[in-house]
């Protein structure tokens, strides 16, 4: 079983920054083999992919966050991060961490990000 826990959410003003963290624990057989991703879900909307970092080292981003958000991972610390800059009100959502590998598809409980003046 794999557990994920997000942290770092909160209330921030437009154009502000936040850094989300995701810690992975449990029966992990090679964190480096996991594809890690950040998703978000705003009220009344479907969950969407924000950013992903594959086990092979590549990254990809949703068009809406390209150039503002950066995903990174520290396999030694079993952690994945999402640096969010120049935040906009439309970035308000619950942000979820996801890991995907041969072990399965796991999700954290989510962390709320609210962008408002």
Protein backbone atom coordinates (compact mmCIF):
# COMPACT_ATOMS: atom_id res chain seq x y z
CA UNK A 1 0.00 0.00 0.00
CA UNK A 2 1.21 3.46 -0.91
CA UNK A 3 0.19 6.64 0.91
CA UNK A 4 0.45 10.19 -0.38
CA UNK A 5 0.00 13.33 1.68
CA UNK A 6 -0.09 16.85 0.26
CA UNK A 7 0.81 20.04 2.12
CA UNK A 8 1.44 23.69 1.42
CA UNK A 9 -1.97 24.87 0.32
CA UNK A 10 -3.62 28.00 1.62
CA UNK A 11 -4.95 31.44 0.79
CA UNK A 12 -2.83 33.66 -1.43
CA UNK A 13 -3.40 36.93 -3.27
CA UNK A 14 -3.38 37.08 -7.06
CA UNK A 15 0.15 37.13 -8.49
CA UNK A 16 1.39 35.41 -5.35
CA UNK A 17 3.22 32.09 -5.03
CA UNK A 18 2.78 28.81 -3.22
CA UNK A 19 4.79 25.61 -3.10
CA UNK A 20 2.92 22.35 -2.68
CA UNK A 21 4.63 19.24 -1.38
CA UNK A 22 3.64 15.59 -1.69
CA UNK A 23 5.25 12.98 0.55
CA UNK A 24 5.08 9.34 -0.47
CA UNK A 25 5.24 6.54 2.09
CA UNK A 26 4.31 2.92 2.54
CA UNK A 27 5.39 -0.16 0.62
CA UNK A 28 7.29 1.54 -2.16
CA UNK A 29 9.27 -0.63 -4.55
CA UNK A 30 11.31 2.01 -6.32
CA UNK A 31 10.05 5.59 -6.09
CA UNK A 32 12.02 6.30 -9.23
CA UNK A 33 9.71 3.97 -11.15
CA UNK A 34 6.65 6.01 -10.24
CA UNK A 35 5.12 8.57 -12.52
CA UNK A 36 4.09 11.51 -10.33
CA UNK A 37 1.44 14.08 -11.09
CA UNK A 38 -0.48 17.01 -9.69
CA UNK A 39 -4.17 17.35 -10.46
CA UNK A 40 -6.75 19.88 -9.37
CA UNK A 41 -10.48 20.05 -9.08
CA UNK A 42 -12.43 23.28 -8.83
CA UNK A 43 -16.05 23.37 -7.58
CA UNK A 44 -18.41 22.09 -10.25
CA UNK A 45 -15.59 21.03 -12.55
CA UNK A 46 -13.87 17.77 -13.41
CA UNK A 47 -10.49 16.89 -12.01
CA UNK A 48 -7.76 17.93 -14.44
CA UNK A 49 -4.07 17.26 -14.83
CA UNK A 50 -1.92 20.24 -13.88
CA UNK A 51 1.60 18.86 -14.18
CA UNK A 52 3.34 15.51 -14.43
CA UNK A 53 6.87 14.21 -13.91
CA UNK A 54 7.48 10.78 -15.36
CA UNK A 55 9.83 8.12 -14.10
CA UNK A 56 11.93 8.81 -17.18
CA UNK A 57 12.52 12.40 -16.16
CA UNK A 58 10.23 14.24 -18.54
CA UNK A 59 7.65 16.81 -17.47
CA UNK A 60 4.49 18.17 -19.00
CA UNK A 61 2.03 20.86 -18.04
CA UNK A 62 -1.50 21.96 -18.72
CA UNK A 63 -1.60 24.90 -21.12
CA UNK A 64 -3.22 27.05 -18.45
CA UNK A 65 -0.22 26.77 -16.09
CA UNK A 66 2.66 26.50 -18.57
CA UNK A 67 5.35 29.01 -17.63
CA UNK A 68 3.89 29.65 -14.17
CA UNK A 69 4.04 26.25 -12.46
CA UNK A 70 7.02 23.93 -12.07
CA UNK A 71 6.89 20.30 -10.99
CA UNK A 72 9.93 18.66 -9.45
CA UNK A 73 10.72 15.50 -7.56
CA UNK A 74 13.29 14.41 -5.01
CA UNK A 75 13.40 10.63 -5.09
CA UNK A 76 15.77 10.47 -2.13
CA UNK A 77 13.17 12.25 -0.02
CA UNK A 78 10.27 10.42 -1.69
CA UNK A 79 8.68 13.75 -2.43
CA UNK A 80 7.21 15.68 -5.32
CA UNK A 81 6.71 19.43 -5.41
CA UNK A 82 4.66 21.94 -7.34
CA UNK A 83 5.98 25.50 -7.38
CA UNK A 84 3.16 27.84 -8.37
CA UNK A 85 3.96 31.41 -9.33
CA UNK A 86 1.84 34.28 -10.59
CA UNK A 87 -1.28 32.63 -9.23
CA UNK A 88 -4.65 33.61 -10.63
CA UNK A 89 -8.16 33.35 -9.15
CA UNK A 90 -8.91 30.60 -11.68
CA UNK A 91 -6.19 28.48 -10.06
CA UNK A 92 -8.43 28.11 -7.00
CA UNK A 93 -9.08 24.40 -6.48
CA UNK A 94 -8.26 21.37 -4.39
CA UNK A 95 -4.90 20.07 -5.54
CA UNK A 96 -4.22 16.33 -5.49
CA UNK A 97 -0.98 14.40 -5.76
CA UNK A 98 -1.00 11.19 -7.78
CA UNK A 99 1.45 8.33 -8.20
CA UNK A 100 1.13 5.76 -10.94
CA UNK A 101 3.23 2.63 -11.46
CA UNK A 102 3.00 -1.16 -11.64
CA UNK A 103 2.04 -0.96 -7.96
CA UNK A 104 -1.15 0.87 -8.78
CA UNK A 105 -2.73 4.30 -8.96
CA UNK A 106 -2.73 6.25 -5.69
CA UNK A 107 -4.08 9.63 -4.61
CA UNK A 108 -3.56 11.94 -1.68
CA UNK A 109 -6.50 13.53 0.18
CA UNK A 110 -5.84 16.91 -1.43
CA UNK A 111 -4.92 20.40 -0.28
CA UNK A 112 -6.99 23.53 -0.85
CA UNK A 113 -5.51 26.44 -2.77
CA UNK A 114 -7.49 29.66 -2.80
CA UNK A 115 -6.38 32.67 -4.82
CA UNK A 116 -8.27 35.78 -3.79
CA UNK A 117 -7.71 39.39 -2.85
